[in-house]
PDB file of N, CA and C in Angstrom:
ATOM      1  N   UNK A   1       0.835  -1.191   0.000  1.00  0.00           N
ATOM      2  CA  UNK A   1       0.000   0.000   0.000  1.00  0.00           C
ATOM      3  C   UNK A   1       0.877   1.251   0.000  1.00  0.00           C
ATOM      4  N   UNK A   2       0.432   2.257  -0.702  1.00  0.00           N
ATOM      5  CA  UNK A   2       1.216   3.482  -0.823  1.00  0.00           C
ATOM      6  C   UNK A   2       1.169   4.289   0.471  1.00  0.00           C
ATOM      7  N   UNK A   3       2.298   4.884   0.816  1.00  0.00           N
ATOM      8  CA  UNK A   3       2.334   5.811   1.933  1.00  0.00           C
ATOM      9  C   UNK A   3       2.807   7.147   1.384  1.00  0.00           C
ATOM     10  N   UNK A   4       2.222   8.226   1.894  1.00  0.00           N
ATOM     11  CA  UNK A   4       2.597   9.564   1.441  1.00  0.00           C
ATOM     12  C   UNK A   4       3.191  10.310   2.620  1.00  0.00           C
ATOM     13  N   UNK A   5       4.328  10.945   2.381  1.00  0.00           N
ATOM     14  CA  UNK A   5       4.918  11.773   3.431  1.00  0.00           C
ATOM     15  C   UNK A   5       5.407  13.064   2.810  1.00  0.00           C
ATOM     16  N   UNK A   6       5.461  14.092   3.619  1.00  0.00           N
ATOM     17  CA  UNK A   6       6.035  15.345   3.148  1.00  0.00           C
ATOM     18  C   UNK A   6       7.127  15.722   4.113  1.00  0.00           C
ATOM     19  N   UNK A   7       8.302  15.994   3.562  1.00  0.00           N
ATOM     20  CA  UNK A   7       9.453  16.312   4.395  1.00  0.00           C
ATOM     21  C   UNK A   7      10.234  17.422   3.718  1.00  0.00           C
ATOM     22  N   UNK A   8      10.470  18.494   4.449  1.00  0.00           N
ATOM     23  CA  UNK A   8      11.241  19.634   3.939  1.00  0.00           C
ATOM     24  C   UNK A   8      10.651  20.179   2.634  1.00  0.00           C
ATOM     25  N   UNK A   9       9.329  20.083   2.496  1.00  0.00           N
ATOM     26  CA  UNK A   9       8.661  20.621   1.309  1.00  0.00           C
ATOM     27  C   UNK A   9       8.587  19.657   0.137  1.00  0.00           C
ATOM     28  N   UNK A  10       9.214  18.483   0.282  1.00  0.00           N
ATOM     29  CA  UNK A  10       9.209  17.471  -0.787  1.00  0.00           C
ATOM     30  C   UNK A  10       8.152  16.426  -0.443  1.00  0.00           C
ATOM     31  N   UNK A  11       7.263  16.151  -1.394  1.00  0.00           N
ATOM     32  CA  UNK A  11       6.204  15.176  -1.154  1.00  0.00           C
ATOM     33  C   UNK A  11       6.595  13.846  -1.805  1.00  0.00           C
ATOM     34  N   UNK A  12       6.521  12.770  -1.043  1.00  0.00           N
ATOM     35  CA  UNK A  12       6.930  11.452  -1.533  1.00  0.00           C
ATOM     36  C   UNK A  12       5.804  10.456  -1.320  1.00  0.00           C
ATOM     37  N   UNK A  13       5.433   9.781  -2.401  1.00  0.00           N
ATOM     38  CA  UNK A  13       4.481   8.675  -2.289  1.00  0.00           C
ATOM     39  C   UNK A  13       5.241   7.410  -2.636  1.00  0.00           C
ATOM     40  N   UNK A  14       5.396   6.541  -1.649  1.00  0.00           N
ATOM     41  CA  UNK A  14       6.167   5.319  -1.855  1.00  0.00           C
ATOM     42  C   UNK A  14       5.272   4.217  -2.408  1.00  0.00           C
ATOM     43  N   UNK A  15       5.730   3.591  -3.485  1.00  0.00           N
ATOM     44  CA  UNK A  15       5.000   2.490  -4.131  1.00  0.00           C
ATOM     45  C   UNK A  15       3.540   2.820  -4.462  1.00  0.00           C
ATOM     46  N   UNK A  16       3.317   3.897  -5.241  1.00  0.00           N
ATOM     47  CA  UNK A  16       1.938   4.214  -5.626  1.00  0.00           C
ATOM     48  C   UNK A  16       1.367   3.084  -6.484  1.00  0.00           C
ATOM     49  N   UNK A  17       0.039   2.893  -6.455  1.00  0.00           N
ATOM     50  CA  UNK A  17      -0.560   1.827  -7.267  1.00  0.00           C
ATOM     51  C   UNK A  17      -0.427   2.131  -8.758  1.00  0.00           C
ATOM     52  N   UNK A  18      -0.360   1.071  -9.571  1.00  0.00           N
ATOM     53  CA  UNK A  18      -0.278   1.230 -11.026  1.00  0.00           C
ATOM     54  C   UNK A  18      -1.396   2.108 -11.556  1.00  0.00           C
ATOM     55  N   UNK A  19      -2.582   2.002 -10.946  1.00  0.00           N
ATOM     56  CA  UNK A  19      -3.727   2.785 -11.412  1.00  0.00           C
ATOM     57  C   UNK A  19      -3.435   4.282 -11.316  1.00  0.00           C
ATOM     58  N   UNK A  20      -2.723   4.700 -10.270  1.00  0.00           N
ATOM     59  CA  UNK A  20      -2.380   6.120 -10.113  1.00  0.00           C
ATOM     60  C   UNK A  20      -1.359   6.542 -11.163  1.00  0.00           C
ATOM     61  N   UNK A  21      -0.356   5.691 -11.403  1.00  0.00           N
ATOM     62  CA  UNK A  21       0.665   5.997 -12.414  1.00  0.00           C
ATOM     63  C   UNK A  21       0.008   6.128 -13.791  1.00  0.00           C
ATOM     64  N   UNK A  22      -0.939   5.245 -14.080  1.00  0.00           N
ATOM     65  CA  UNK A  22      -1.652   5.278 -15.359  1.00  0.00           C
ATOM     66  C   UNK A  22      -2.491   6.544 -15.467  1.00  0.00           C
ATOM     67  N   UNK A  23      -3.196   6.877 -14.389  1.00  0.00           N
ATOM     68  CA  UNK A  23      -4.042   8.072 -14.363  1.00  0.00           C
ATOM     69  C   UNK A  23      -3.211   9.332 -14.612  1.00  0.00           C
ATOM     70  N   UNK A  24      -2.011   9.398 -14.039  1.00  0.00           N
ATOM     71  CA  UNK A  24      -1.127  10.552 -14.221  1.00  0.00           C
ATOM     72  C   UNK A  24      -0.448  10.540 -15.591  1.00  0.00           C
ATOM     73  N   UNK A  25      -0.436   9.376 -16.253  1.00  0.00           N
ATOM     74  CA  UNK A  25       0.238   9.271 -17.549  1.00  0.00           C
ATOM     75  C   UNK A  25       1.749   9.187 -17.426  1.00  0.00           C
ATOM     76  N   UNK A  26       2.218   8.696 -16.285  1.00  0.00           N
ATOM     77  CA  UNK A  26       3.653   8.672 -15.972  1.00  0.00           C
ATOM     78  C   UNK A  26       4.493   8.039 -17.085  1.00  0.00           C
ATOM     79  N   UNK A  27       4.022   6.934 -17.652  1.00  0.00           N
ATOM     80  CA  UNK A  27       4.843   6.214 -18.640  1.00  0.00           C
ATOM     81  C   UNK A  27       5.013   6.972 -19.953  1.00  0.00           C
ATOM     82  N   UNK A  28       4.197   8.018 -20.153  1.00  0.00           N
ATOM     83  CA  UNK A  28       4.351   8.823 -21.378  1.00  0.00           C
ATOM     84  C   UNK A  28       5.232  10.055 -21.135  1.00  0.00           C
ATOM     85  N   UNK A  29       5.630  10.294 -19.883  1.00  0.00           N
ATOM     86  CA  UNK A  29       6.493  11.432 -19.568  1.00  0.00           C
ATOM     87  C   UNK A  29       7.898  11.160 -20.102  1.00  0.00           C
ATOM     88  N   UNK A  30       8.669  12.238 -20.345  1.00  0.00           N
ATOM     89  CA  UNK A  30      10.071  12.030 -20.756  1.00  0.00           C
ATOM     90  C   UNK A  30      10.853  11.335 -19.639  1.00  0.00           C
ATOM     91  N   UNK A  31      12.005  10.783 -20.037  1.00  0.00           N
ATOM     92  CA  UNK A  31      12.859  10.115 -19.059  1.00  0.00           C
ATOM     93  C   UNK A  31      14.174  10.869 -18.912  1.00  0.00           C
ATOM     94  N   UNK A  32      14.764  10.726 -17.738  1.00  0.00           N
ATOM     95  CA  UNK A  32      16.062  11.332 -17.444  1.00  0.00           C
ATOM     96  C   UNK A  32      16.822  10.372 -16.547  1.00  0.00           C
ATOM     97  N   UNK A  33      18.123  10.330 -16.721  1.00  0.00           N
ATOM     98  CA  UNK A  33      18.939   9.478 -15.872  1.00  0.00           C
ATOM     99  C   UNK A  33      20.291  10.106 -15.625  1.00  0.00           C
ATOM    100  N   UNK A  34      20.966   9.628 -14.585  1.00  0.00           N
ATOM    101  CA  UNK A  34      22.336  10.080 -14.335  1.00  0.00           C
ATOM    102  C   UNK A  34      23.064   9.028 -13.510  1.00  0.00           C
ATOM    103  N   UNK A  35      24.396   8.987 -13.660  1.00  0.00           N
ATOM    104  CA  UNK A  35      25.208   8.052 -12.871  1.00  0.00           C
ATOM    105  C   UNK A  35      25.374   8.606 -11.448  1.00  0.00           C
ATOM    106  N   UNK A  36      25.943   7.808 -10.548  1.00  0.00           N
ATOM    107  CA  UNK A  36      26.224   8.332  -9.209  1.00  0.00           C
ATOM    108  C   UNK A  36      27.019   9.633  -9.304  1.00  0.00           C
ATOM    109  N   UNK A  37      26.545  10.659  -8.611  1.00  0.00           N
ATOM    110  CA  UNK A  37      27.159  11.987  -8.676  1.00  0.00           C
ATOM    111  C   UNK A  37      26.527  12.871  -7.613  1.00  0.00           C
ATOM    112  N   UNK A  38      27.065  14.077  -7.481  1.00  0.00           N
ATOM    113  CA  UNK A  38      26.516  15.041  -6.529  1.00  0.00           C
ATOM    114  C   UNK A  38      26.507  16.390  -7.224  1.00  0.00           C
ATOM    115  N   UNK A  39      25.340  17.063  -7.201  1.00  0.00           N
ATOM    116  CA  UNK A  39      25.231  18.335  -7.921  1.00  0.00           C
ATOM    117  C   UNK A  39      24.113  19.196  -7.337  1.00  0.00           C
ATOM    118  N   UNK A  40      24.268  20.536  -7.475  1.00  0.00           N
ATOM    119  CA  UNK A  40      23.210  21.443  -7.031  1.00  0.00           C
ATOM    120  C   UNK A  40      22.121  21.538  -8.101  1.00  0.00           C
ATOM    121  N   UNK A  41      20.896  21.802  -7.664  1.00  0.00           N
ATOM    122  CA  UNK A  41      19.783  21.931  -8.611  1.00  0.00           C
ATOM    123  C   UNK A  41      18.762  22.908  -8.044  1.00  0.00           C
ATOM    124  N   UNK A  42      18.184  23.734  -8.933  1.00  0.00           N
ATOM    125  CA  UNK A  42      17.090  24.621  -8.543  1.00  0.00           C
ATOM    126  C   UNK A  42      15.916  24.338  -9.459  1.00  0.00           C
ATOM    127  N   UNK A  43      14.745  24.166  -8.867  1.00  0.00           N
ATOM    128  CA  UNK A  43      13.528  23.870  -9.638  1.00  0.00           C
ATOM    129  C   UNK A  43      12.882  25.167 -10.112  1.00  0.00           C
ATOM    130  N   UNK A  44      12.894  25.395 -11.435  1.00  0.00           N
ATOM    131  CA  UNK A  44      12.279  26.595 -12.006  1.00  0.00           C
ATOM    132  C   UNK A  44      10.776  26.390 -12.186  1.00  0.00           C
ATOM    133  N   UNK A  45      10.321  25.148 -12.010  1.00  0.00           N
ATOM    134  CA  UNK A  45       8.902  24.805 -12.077  1.00  0.00           C
ATOM    135  C   UNK A  45       8.683  23.626 -11.134  1.00  0.00           C
ATOM    136  N   UNK A  46       7.431  23.384 -10.774  1.00  0.00           N
ATOM    137  CA  UNK A  46       7.109  22.209  -9.956  1.00  0.00           C
ATOM    138  C   UNK A  46       7.433  20.963 -10.778  1.00  0.00           C
ATOM    139  N   UNK A  47       8.147  20.026 -10.177  1.00  0.00           N
ATOM    140  CA  UNK A  47       8.445  18.772 -10.878  1.00  0.00           C
ATOM    141  C   UNK A  47       7.811  17.602 -10.143  1.00  0.00           C
ATOM    142  N   UNK A  48       7.141  16.746 -10.911  1.00  0.00           N
ATOM    143  CA  UNK A  48       6.670  15.462 -10.409  1.00  0.00           C
ATOM    144  C   UNK A  48       7.507  14.411 -11.121  1.00  0.00           C
ATOM    145  N   UNK A  49       8.078  13.479 -10.376  1.00  0.00           N
ATOM    146  CA  UNK A  49       8.872  12.437 -11.022  1.00  0.00           C
ATOM    147  C   UNK A  49       8.599  11.091 -10.373  1.00  0.00           C
ATOM    148  N   UNK A  50       8.857  10.040 -11.154  1.00  0.00           N
ATOM    149  CA  UNK A  50       8.694   8.667 -10.682  1.00  0.00           C
ATOM    150  C   UNK A  50      10.002   7.940 -10.936  1.00  0.00           C
ATOM    151  N   UNK A  51      10.637   7.477  -9.862  1.00  0.00           N
ATOM    152  CA  UNK A  51      11.930   6.813 -10.004  1.00  0.00           C
ATOM    153  C   UNK A  51      11.748   5.337 -10.345  1.00  0.00           C
ATOM    154  N   UNK A  52      12.297   4.957 -11.503  1.00  0.00           N
ATOM    155  CA  UNK A  52      12.287   3.557 -11.925  1.00  0.00           C
ATOM    156  C   UNK A  52      13.453   2.825 -11.277  1.00  0.00           C
ATOM    157  N   UNK A  53      14.575   3.538 -11.158  1.00  0.00           N
ATOM    158  CA  UNK A  53      15.783   2.981 -10.549  1.00  0.00           C
ATOM    159  C   UNK A  53      16.491   4.099  -9.813  1.00  0.00           C
ATOM    160  N   UNK A  54      17.331   3.704  -8.870  1.00  0.00           N
ATOM    161  CA  UNK A  54      18.211   4.675  -8.239  1.00  0.00           C
ATOM    162  C   UNK A  54      17.966   4.889  -6.769  1.00  0.00           C
ATOM    163  N   UNK A  55      18.886   5.661  -6.199  1.00  0.00           N
ATOM    164  CA  UNK A  55      18.822   6.019  -4.787  1.00  0.00           C
ATOM    165  C   UNK A  55      19.477   7.391  -4.663  1.00  0.00           C
ATOM    166  N   UNK A  56      18.737   8.331  -4.050  1.00  0.00           N
ATOM    167  CA  UNK A  56      19.202   9.716  -3.984  1.00  0.00           C
ATOM    168  C   UNK A  56      18.925  10.294  -2.603  1.00  0.00           C
ATOM    169  N   UNK A  57      19.869  11.104  -2.125  1.00  0.00           N
ATOM    170  CA  UNK A  57      19.625  11.937  -0.945  1.00  0.00           C
ATOM    171  C   UNK A  57      19.509  13.357  -1.469  1.00  0.00           C
ATOM    172  N   UNK A  58      18.368  13.994  -1.198  1.00  0.00           N
ATOM    173  CA  UNK A  58      18.146  15.372  -1.635  1.00  0.00           C
ATOM    174  C   UNK A  58      18.179  16.254  -0.390  1.00  0.00           C
ATOM    175  N   UNK A  59      19.084  17.249  -0.400  1.00  0.00           N
ATOM    176  CA  UNK A  59      19.205  18.158   0.735  1.00  0.00           C
ATOM    177  C   UNK A  59      18.831  19.567   0.286  1.00  0.00           C
ATOM    178  N   UNK A  60      17.664  20.062   0.712  1.00  0.00           N
ATOM    179  CA  UNK A  60      17.292  21.441   0.359  1.00  0.00           C
ATOM    180  C   UNK A  60      18.290  22.432   0.961  1.00  0.00           C
ATOM    181  N   UNK A  61      18.578  23.526   0.235  1.00  0.00           N
ATOM    182  CA  UNK A  61      19.488  24.549   0.744  1.00  0.00           C
ATOM    183  C   UNK A  61      18.990  25.037   2.105  1.00  0.00           C
ATOM    184  N   UNK A  62      19.907  25.135   3.061  1.00  0.00           N
ATOM    185  CA  UNK A  62      19.559  25.627   4.379  1.00  0.00           C
ATOM    186  C   UNK A  62      19.065  24.550   5.330  1.00  0.00           C
ATOM    187  N   UNK A  63      18.798  23.361   4.811  1.00  0.00           N
ATOM    188  CA  UNK A  63      18.326  22.269   5.679  1.00  0.00           C
ATOM    189  C   UNK A  63      19.533  21.497   6.192  1.00  0.00           C
ATOM    190  N   UNK A  64      19.418  20.958   7.411  1.00  0.00           N
ATOM    191  CA  UNK A  64      20.531  20.163   7.926  1.00  0.00           C
ATOM    192  C   UNK A  64      20.198  18.682   7.910  1.00  0.00           C
ATOM    193  N   UNK A  65      19.166  18.332   7.151  1.00  0.00           N
ATOM    194  CA  UNK A  65      18.856  16.917   6.954  1.00  0.00           C
ATOM    195  C   UNK A  65      18.478  16.701   5.488  1.00  0.00           C
ATOM    196  N   UNK A  66      18.548  15.443   5.066  1.00  0.00           N
ATOM    197  CA  UNK A  66      18.272  15.105   3.673  1.00  0.00           C
ATOM    198  C   UNK A  66      17.003  14.271   3.582  1.00  0.00           C
ATOM    199  N   UNK A  67      16.430  14.254   2.395  1.00  0.00           N
ATOM    200  CA  UNK A  67      15.267  13.414   2.108  1.00  0.00           C
ATOM    201  C   UNK A  67      15.759  12.281   1.211  1.00  0.00           C
ATOM    202  N   UNK A  68      15.478  11.040   1.606  1.00  0.00           N
ATOM    203  CA  UNK A  68      15.898   9.877   0.825  1.00  0.00           C
ATOM    204  C   UNK A  68      14.788   9.492  -0.147  1.00  0.00           C
ATOM    205  N   UNK A  69      15.137   9.354  -1.415  1.00  0.00           N
ATOM    206  CA  UNK A  69      14.169   8.853  -2.392  1.00  0.00           C
ATOM    207  C   UNK A  69      14.826   7.727  -3.186  1.00  0.00           C
ATOM    208  N   UNK A  70      13.982   6.844  -3.724  1.00  0.00           N
ATOM    209  CA  UNK A  70      14.535   5.710  -4.452  1.00  0.00           C
ATOM    210  C   UNK A  70      13.516   5.093  -5.384  1.00  0.00           C
ATOM    211  N   UNK A  71      13.918   3.989  -6.001  1.00  0.00           N
ATOM    212  CA  UNK A  71      13.079   3.288  -6.975  1.00  0.00           C
ATOM    213  C   UNK A  71      11.694   3.036  -6.396  1.00  0.00           C
ATOM    214  N   UNK A  72      10.664   3.323  -7.200  1.00  0.00           N
ATOM    215  CA  UNK A  72       9.289   3.104  -6.777  1.00  0.00           C
ATOM    216  C   UNK A  72       8.650   4.303  -6.113  1.00  0.00           C
ATOM    217  N   UNK A  73       9.402   5.412  -5.967  1.00  0.00           N
ATOM    218  CA  UNK A  73       8.852   6.608  -5.325  1.00  0.00           C
ATOM    219  C   UNK A  73       8.321   7.595  -6.364  1.00  0.00           C
ATOM    220  N   UNK A  74       7.141   8.148  -6.074  1.00  0.00           N
ATOM    221  CA  UNK A  74       6.552   9.243  -6.855  1.00  0.00           C
ATOM    222  C   UNK A  74       6.801  10.488  -6.016  1.00  0.00           C
ATOM    223  N   UNK A  75       7.559  11.437  -6.574  1.00  0.00           N
ATOM    224  CA  UNK A  75       8.056  12.564  -5.784  1.00  0.00           C
ATOM    225  C   UNK A  75       7.634  13.889  -6.420  1.00  0.00           C
ATOM    226  N   UNK A  76       7.236  14.853  -5.576  1.00  0.00           N
ATOM    227  CA  UNK A  76       6.893  16.193  -6.060  1.00  0.00           C
ATOM    228  C   UNK A  76       7.830  17.201  -5.396  1.00  0.00           C
ATOM    229  N   UNK A  77       8.564  17.942  -6.245  1.00  0.00           N
ATOM    230  CA  UNK A  77       9.452  19.008  -5.775  1.00  0.00           C
ATOM    231  C   UNK A  77       8.780  20.341  -6.078  1.00  0.00           C
ATOM    232  N   UNK A  78       8.732  21.254  -5.097  1.00  0.00           N
ATOM    233  CA  UNK A  78       8.065  22.535  -5.333  1.00  0.00           C
ATOM    234  C   UNK A  78       8.894  23.481  -6.199  1.00  0.00           C
ATOM    235  N   UNK A  79       8.191  24.320  -6.949  1.00  0.00           N
ATOM    236  CA  UNK A  79       8.848  25.354  -7.753  1.00  0.00           C
ATOM    237  C   UNK A  79       9.662  26.246  -6.822  1.00  0.00           C
ATOM    238  N   UNK A  80      10.874  26.593  -7.270  1.00  0.00           N
ATOM    239  CA  UNK A  80      11.710  27.513  -6.508  1.00  0.00           C
ATOM    240  C   UNK A  80      12.653  26.848  -5.516  1.00  0.00           C
ATOM    241  N   UNK A  81      12.508  25.542  -5.294  1.00  0.00           N
ATOM    242  CA  UNK A  81      13.393  24.867  -4.338  1.00  0.00           C
ATOM    243  C   UNK A  81      14.802  24.734  -4.910  1.00  0.00           C
ATOM    244  N   UNK A  82      15.791  25.120  -4.100  1.00  0.00           N
ATOM    245  CA  UNK A  82      17.197  24.870  -4.431  1.00  0.00           C
ATOM    246  C   UNK A  82      17.685  23.787  -3.496  1.00  0.00           C
ATOM    247  N   UNK A  83      18.423  22.825  -4.047  1.00  0.00           N
ATOM    248  CA  UNK A  83      18.839  21.679  -3.253  1.00  0.00           C
ATOM    249  C   UNK A  83      20.098  21.060  -3.855  1.00  0.00           C
ATOM    250  N   UNK A  84      20.625  20.074  -3.160  1.00  0.00           N
ATOM    251  CA  UNK A  84      21.749  19.292  -3.672  1.00  0.00           C
ATOM    252  C   UNK A  84      21.293  17.850  -3.804  1.00  0.00           C
ATOM    253  N   UNK A  85      21.528  17.283  -4.982  1.00  0.00           N
ATOM    254  CA  UNK A  85      21.233  15.869  -5.234  1.00  0.00           C
ATOM    255  C   UNK A  85      22.519  15.082  -5.010  1.00  0.00           C
ATOM    256  N   UNK A  86      22.447  14.062  -4.165  1.00  0.00           N
ATOM    257  CA  UNK A  86      23.570  13.162  -3.937  1.00  0.00           C
ATOM    258  C   UNK A  86      23.101  11.773  -4.373  1.00  0.00           C
ATOM    259  N   UNK A  87      23.484  11.404  -5.599  1.00  0.00           N
ATOM    260  CA  UNK A  87      23.020  10.154  -6.215  1.00  0.00           C
ATOM    261  C   UNK A  87      24.007   9.038  -5.872  1.00  0.00           C
ATOM    262  N   UNK A  88      23.551   8.049  -5.087  1.00  0.00           N
ATOM    263  CA  UNK A  88      24.437   6.939  -4.711  1.00  0.00           C
ATOM    264  C   UNK A  88      24.255   5.737  -5.636  1.00  0.00           C
ATOM    265  N   UNK A  89      23.054   5.579  -6.210  1.00  0.00           N
ATOM    266  CA  UNK A  89      22.781   4.521  -7.186  1.00  0.00           C
ATOM    267  C   UNK A  89      22.182   5.196  -8.413  1.00  0.00           C
ATOM    268  N   UNK A  90      22.736   4.899  -9.595  1.00  0.00           N
ATOM    269  CA  UNK A  90      22.326   5.557 -10.841  1.00  0.00           C
ATOM    270  C   UNK A  90      20.798   5.681 -10.963  1.00  0.00           C
ATOM    271  N   UNK A  91      20.356   6.867 -11.388  1.00  0.00           N
ATOM    272  CA  UNK A  91      18.933   7.189 -11.468  1.00  0.00           C
ATOM    273  C   UNK A  91      18.397   7.021 -12.882  1.00  0.00           C
ATOM    274  N   UNK A  92      17.192   6.466 -12.972  1.00  0.00           N
ATOM    275  CA  UNK A  92      16.406   6.444 -14.201  1.00  0.00           C
ATOM    276  C   UNK A  92      15.000   6.832 -13.761  1.00  0.00           C
ATOM    277  N   UNK A  93      14.469   7.934 -14.310  1.00  0.00           N
ATOM    278  CA  UNK A  93      13.169   8.393 -13.845  1.00  0.00           C
ATOM    279  C   UNK A  93      12.346   8.983 -14.985  1.00  0.00           C
ATOM    280  N   UNK A  94      11.025   8.957 -14.796  1.00  0.00           N
ATOM    281  CA  UNK A  94      10.096   9.714 -15.639  1.00  0.00           C
ATOM    282  C   UNK A  94       9.859  11.035 -14.901  1.00  0.00           C
ATOM    283  N   UNK A  95       9.682  12.131 -15.651  1.00  0.00           N
ATOM    284  CA  UNK A  95       9.471  13.416 -14.992  1.00  0.00           C
ATOM    285  C   UNK A  95       8.520  14.295 -15.789  1.00  0.00           C
ATOM    286  N   UNK A  96       7.924  15.255 -15.067  1.00  0.00           N
ATOM    287  CA  UNK A  96       7.038  16.239 -15.702  1.00  0.00           C
ATOM    288  C   UNK A  96       7.164  17.552 -14.949  1.00  0.00           C
ATOM    289  N   UNK A  97       7.391  18.632 -15.710  1.00  0.00           N
ATOM    290  CA  UNK A  97       7.412  19.981 -15.115  1.00  0.00           C
ATOM    291  C   UNK A  97       6.082  20.648 -15.363  1.00  0.00           C
ATOM    292  N   UNK A  98       5.605  21.400 -14.369  1.00  0.00           N
ATOM    293  CA  UNK A  98       4.334  22.127 -14.518  1.00  0.00           C
ATOM    294  C   UNK A  98       4.561  23.600 -14.289  1.00  0.00           C
TER     295      UNK A  98
END
């Protein structure tokens, strides 16, 4: 069953049902991937993404804790958030900017 949590402004739904992914049209969204790495990122628009593979610690600027996301997570990042992505396992994800 899916669980939803919000931490540091990032909303995470772990293991959402296929019906929700289908309703959102996730599989038709573009894909993006990256190898293990660490980099800063600022969201110029709200992003919803679904991780097919990977493991990431996202640390919003000014926060002293990180949010862990990984394969099977449906994640929403708010517009305007600046953060650091620390990718420990290569990422493959579907994403959509609004």
